Amino acid sequence: QVQLVESGGGLVQTGGSLRLSCAASGRTFDDMDWYREAPGKQRELVATITRGGTTNVVDFGLGRFTISRDNAKNMLYLQMNNLKPEDSAVYYCHAETMSPFFDYWGQGTQVTVVS
């Protein structure tokens, strides 16, 4: 059974940092991503990383967010620095396999940034 379990969310002050983790089990994955969903807004992509380590961070996270993974441990991470109140959201781990295509979601972890 495939599972993605996020951890590391919490309450932090503006300018603070958090490191999110996603523990994957049941299989290995190709691309892995972090998404976020704020109240009243659509779920949006935050960052993505290929199995080979190529990363892409969406504009609002450039210079502040770093995505990484440990394939040996089947773990995904998101280091978030200089957090802003607008970063407050539920952050979701997402993982894909390509051939055939399947995708999976974690249950989410809440990040709240207060000023």
C-alpha atoms as a PDB file:
ATOM      1  CA  GLN A   1       0.000   0.000   0.000  1.00  0.00           C
ATOM      2  CA  VAL A   2       1.382   3.376  -1.023  1.00  0.00           C
ATOM      3  CA  GLN A   3       1.509   6.022   1.680  1.00  0.00           C
ATOM      4  CA  LEU A   4       2.799   9.566   1.818  1.00  0.00           C
ATOM      5  CA  VAL A   5       2.986  11.017   5.314  1.00  0.00           C
ATOM      6  CA  GLU A   6       3.911  14.647   5.840  1.00  0.00           C
ATOM      7  CA  SER A   7       5.329  16.137   9.006  1.00  0.00           C
ATOM      8  CA  GLY A   8       7.066  19.289  10.157  1.00  0.00           C
ATOM      9  CA  GLY A   9       4.303  21.829   9.861  1.00  0.00           C
ATOM     10  CA  GLY A  10       3.428  24.211  12.652  1.00  0.00           C
ATOM     11  CA  LEU A  11       3.078  27.782  13.804  1.00  0.00           C
ATOM     12  CA  VAL A  12       5.954  30.144  13.106  1.00  0.00           C
ATOM     13  CA  GLN A  13       6.546  33.876  13.148  1.00  0.00           C
ATOM     14  CA  THR A  14       7.192  35.956  10.056  1.00  0.00           C
ATOM     15  CA  GLY A  15      10.772  35.468   8.969  1.00  0.00           C
ATOM     16  CA  GLY A  16      11.022  32.060  10.589  1.00  0.00           C
ATOM     17  CA  SER A  17      11.824  28.691   9.058  1.00  0.00           C
ATOM     18  CA  LEU A  18      10.257  25.266   8.840  1.00  0.00           C
ATOM     19  CA  ARG A  19      11.378  22.011   7.305  1.00  0.00           C
ATOM     20  CA  LEU A  20       8.642  19.790   5.974  1.00  0.00           C
ATOM     21  CA  SER A  21       9.228  16.092   5.482  1.00  0.00           C
ATOM     22  CA  CYS A  22       7.298  13.500   3.527  1.00  0.00           C
ATOM     23  CA  ALA A  23       7.859   9.827   4.267  1.00  0.00           C
ATOM     24  CA  ALA A  24       6.931   7.691   1.276  1.00  0.00           C
ATOM     25  CA  SER A  25       6.328   3.962   1.430  1.00  0.00           C
ATOM     26  CA  GLY A  26       5.000   1.184  -0.737  1.00  0.00           C
ATOM     27  CA  ARG A  27       6.995   2.002  -3.873  1.00  0.00           C
ATOM     28  CA  THR A  28       9.509   4.405  -5.322  1.00  0.00           C
ATOM     29  CA  PHE A  29       8.577   7.442  -7.378  1.00  0.00           C
ATOM     30  CA  ASP A  30       9.688   9.518 -10.317  1.00  0.00           C
ATOM     31  CA  ASP A  31       8.743  13.166  -9.805  1.00  0.00           C
ATOM     32  CA  MET A  32       7.848  14.330  -6.321  1.00  0.00           C
ATOM     33  CA  ASP A  33       6.284  17.661  -5.481  1.00  0.00           C
ATOM     34  CA  TRP A  34       5.025  19.924  -2.769  1.00  0.00           C
ATOM     35  CA  TYR A  35       1.699  21.665  -3.212  1.00  0.00           C
ATOM     36  CA  ARG A  36      -0.148  24.001  -0.889  1.00  0.00           C
ATOM     37  CA  GLU A  37      -3.742  25.020  -0.399  1.00  0.00           C
ATOM     38  CA  ALA A  38      -4.830  28.106   1.501  1.00  0.00           C
ATOM     39  CA  PRO A  39      -8.437  28.670   2.630  1.00  0.00           C
ATOM     40  CA  GLY A  40     -10.559  29.843  -0.263  1.00  0.00           C
ATOM     41  CA  LYS A  41      -7.798  29.292  -2.802  1.00  0.00           C
ATOM     42  CA  GLN A  42      -6.972  26.567  -5.267  1.00  0.00           C
ATOM     43  CA  ARG A  43      -4.254  24.072  -4.528  1.00  0.00           C
ATOM     44  CA  GLU A  44      -1.027  25.302  -6.121  1.00  0.00           C
ATOM     45  CA  LEU A  45       2.340  23.838  -6.943  1.00  0.00           C
ATOM     46  CA  VAL A  46       5.193  24.929  -4.684  1.00  0.00           C
ATOM     47  CA  ALA A  47       8.176  22.943  -5.927  1.00  0.00           C
ATOM     48  CA  THR A  48       9.044  19.794  -7.811  1.00  0.00           C
ATOM     49  CA  ILE A  49      12.024  17.451  -7.966  1.00  0.00           C
ATOM     50  CA  THR A  50      12.796  14.610 -10.352  1.00  0.00           C
ATOM     51  CA  ARG A  51      14.238  11.301  -9.266  1.00  0.00           C
ATOM     52  CA  GLY A  52      17.581  12.487 -10.623  1.00  0.00           C
ATOM     53  CA  GLY A  53      17.475  15.626  -8.459  1.00  0.00           C
ATOM     54  CA  THR A  54      16.474  18.314 -10.932  1.00  0.00           C
ATOM     55  CA  THR A  55      14.445  20.898  -9.053  1.00  0.00           C
ATOM     56  CA  ASN A  56      12.005  23.641  -9.861  1.00  0.00           C
ATOM     57  CA  VAL A  57      10.603  26.131  -7.356  1.00  0.00           C
ATOM     58  CA  VAL A  58       7.647  28.339  -8.187  1.00  0.00           C
ATOM     59  CA  ASP A  59       8.332  32.082  -8.271  1.00  0.00           C
ATOM     60  CA  PHE A  60       6.925  32.887  -4.832  1.00  0.00           C
ATOM     61  CA  GLY A  61       9.369  30.456  -3.261  1.00  0.00           C
ATOM     62  CA  LEU A  62      12.512  31.371  -5.150  1.00  0.00           C
ATOM     63  CA  GLY A  63      15.335  32.211  -2.787  1.00  0.00           C
ATOM     64  CA  ARG A  64      13.313  31.045   0.208  1.00  0.00           C
ATOM     65  CA  PHE A  65      12.225  27.426  -0.438  1.00  0.00           C
ATOM     66  CA  THR A  66      14.437  24.458  -1.211  1.00  0.00           C
ATOM     67  CA  ILE A  67      13.114  21.068  -2.251  1.00  0.00           C
ATOM     68  CA  SER A  68      15.221  17.955  -1.811  1.00  0.00           C
ATOM     69  CA  ARG A  69      14.829  14.202  -1.612  1.00  0.00           C
ATOM     70  CA  ASP A  70      16.651  11.162  -0.311  1.00  0.00           C
ATOM     71  CA  ASN A  71      15.915   8.300  -2.668  1.00  0.00           C
ATOM     72  CA  ALA A  72      17.574   5.736  -0.405  1.00  0.00           C
ATOM     73  CA  LYS A  73      15.202   6.668   2.423  1.00  0.00           C
ATOM     74  CA  ASN A  74      12.253   7.422   0.136  1.00  0.00           C
ATOM     75  CA  MET A  75      11.925  10.854   1.716  1.00  0.00           C
ATOM     76  CA  LEU A  76      10.983  14.263   0.351  1.00  0.00           C
ATOM     77  CA  TYR A  77      11.791  17.557   2.060  1.00  0.00           C
ATOM     78  CA  LEU A  78      10.897  21.225   1.781  1.00  0.00           C
ATOM     79  CA  GLN A  79      13.070  23.729   3.596  1.00  0.00           C
ATOM     80  CA  MET A  80      11.215  27.007   3.944  1.00  0.00           C
ATOM     81  CA  ASN A  81      13.029  30.121   5.111  1.00  0.00           C
ATOM     82  CA  ASN A  82      11.945  33.732   5.584  1.00  0.00           C
ATOM     83  CA  LEU A  83       8.325  32.661   5.868  1.00  0.00           C
ATOM     84  CA  LYS A  84       5.545  35.164   5.283  1.00  0.00           C
ATOM     85  CA  PRO A  85       1.912  35.161   6.424  1.00  0.00           C
ATOM     86  CA  GLU A  86       0.867  34.490   2.822  1.00  0.00           C
ATOM     87  CA  ASP A  87       2.725  31.183   3.016  1.00  0.00           C
ATOM     88  CA  SER A  88       0.124  29.933   5.487  1.00  0.00           C
ATOM     89  CA  ALA A  89      -1.590  26.893   3.999  1.00  0.00           C
ATOM     90  CA  VAL A  90      -1.892  23.150   4.176  1.00  0.00           C
ATOM     91  CA  TYR A  91       1.146  21.705   2.447  1.00  0.00           C
ATOM     92  CA  TYR A  92       0.753  18.433   0.568  1.00  0.00           C
ATOM     93  CA  CYS A  93       3.279  15.909  -0.623  1.00  0.00           C
ATOM     94  CA  HIS A  94       2.575  14.560  -4.114  1.00  0.00           C
ATOM     95  CA  ALA A  95       4.378  11.760  -5.924  1.00  0.00           C
ATOM     96  CA  GLU A  96       4.150  10.305  -9.413  1.00  0.00           C
ATOM     97  CA  THR A  97       5.176   7.280 -11.354  1.00  0.00           C
ATOM     98  CA  MET A  98       5.499   7.671 -15.097  1.00  0.00           C
ATOM     99  CA  SER A  99       5.121   4.270 -16.725  1.00  0.00           C
ATOM    100  CA  PRO A 100       2.306   3.675 -16.147  1.00  0.00           C
ATOM    101  CA  PHE A 101       1.226   7.004 -14.705  1.00  0.00           C
ATOM    102  CA  PHE A 102      -0.064   7.001 -11.150  1.00  0.00           C
ATOM    103  CA  ASP A 103      -0.053   9.796  -8.657  1.00  0.00           C
ATOM    104  CA  TYR A 104      -0.497   9.898  -4.913  1.00  0.00           C
ATOM    105  CA  TRP A 105      -1.207  12.522  -2.267  1.00  0.00           C
ATOM    106  CA  GLY A 106      -0.384  12.814   1.387  1.00  0.00           C
ATOM    107  CA  GLN A 107      -2.861  14.008   3.981  1.00  0.00           C
ATOM    108  CA  GLY A 108      -1.247  17.425   4.360  1.00  0.00           C
ATOM    109  CA  THR A 109       0.467  19.361   7.109  1.00  0.00           C
ATOM    110  CA  GLN A 110      -0.627  22.789   8.297  1.00  0.00           C
ATOM    111  CA  VAL A 111       1.775  25.715   8.140  1.00  0.00           C
ATOM    112  CA  THR A 112       0.701  28.921   9.845  1.00  0.00           C
ATOM    113  CA  VAL A 113       2.836  32.052   9.717  1.00  0.00           C
ATOM    114  CA  VAL A 114       1.905  34.864  12.076  1.00  0.00           C
ATOM    115  CA  SER A 115       3.159  38.416  12.068  1.00  0.00           C
END
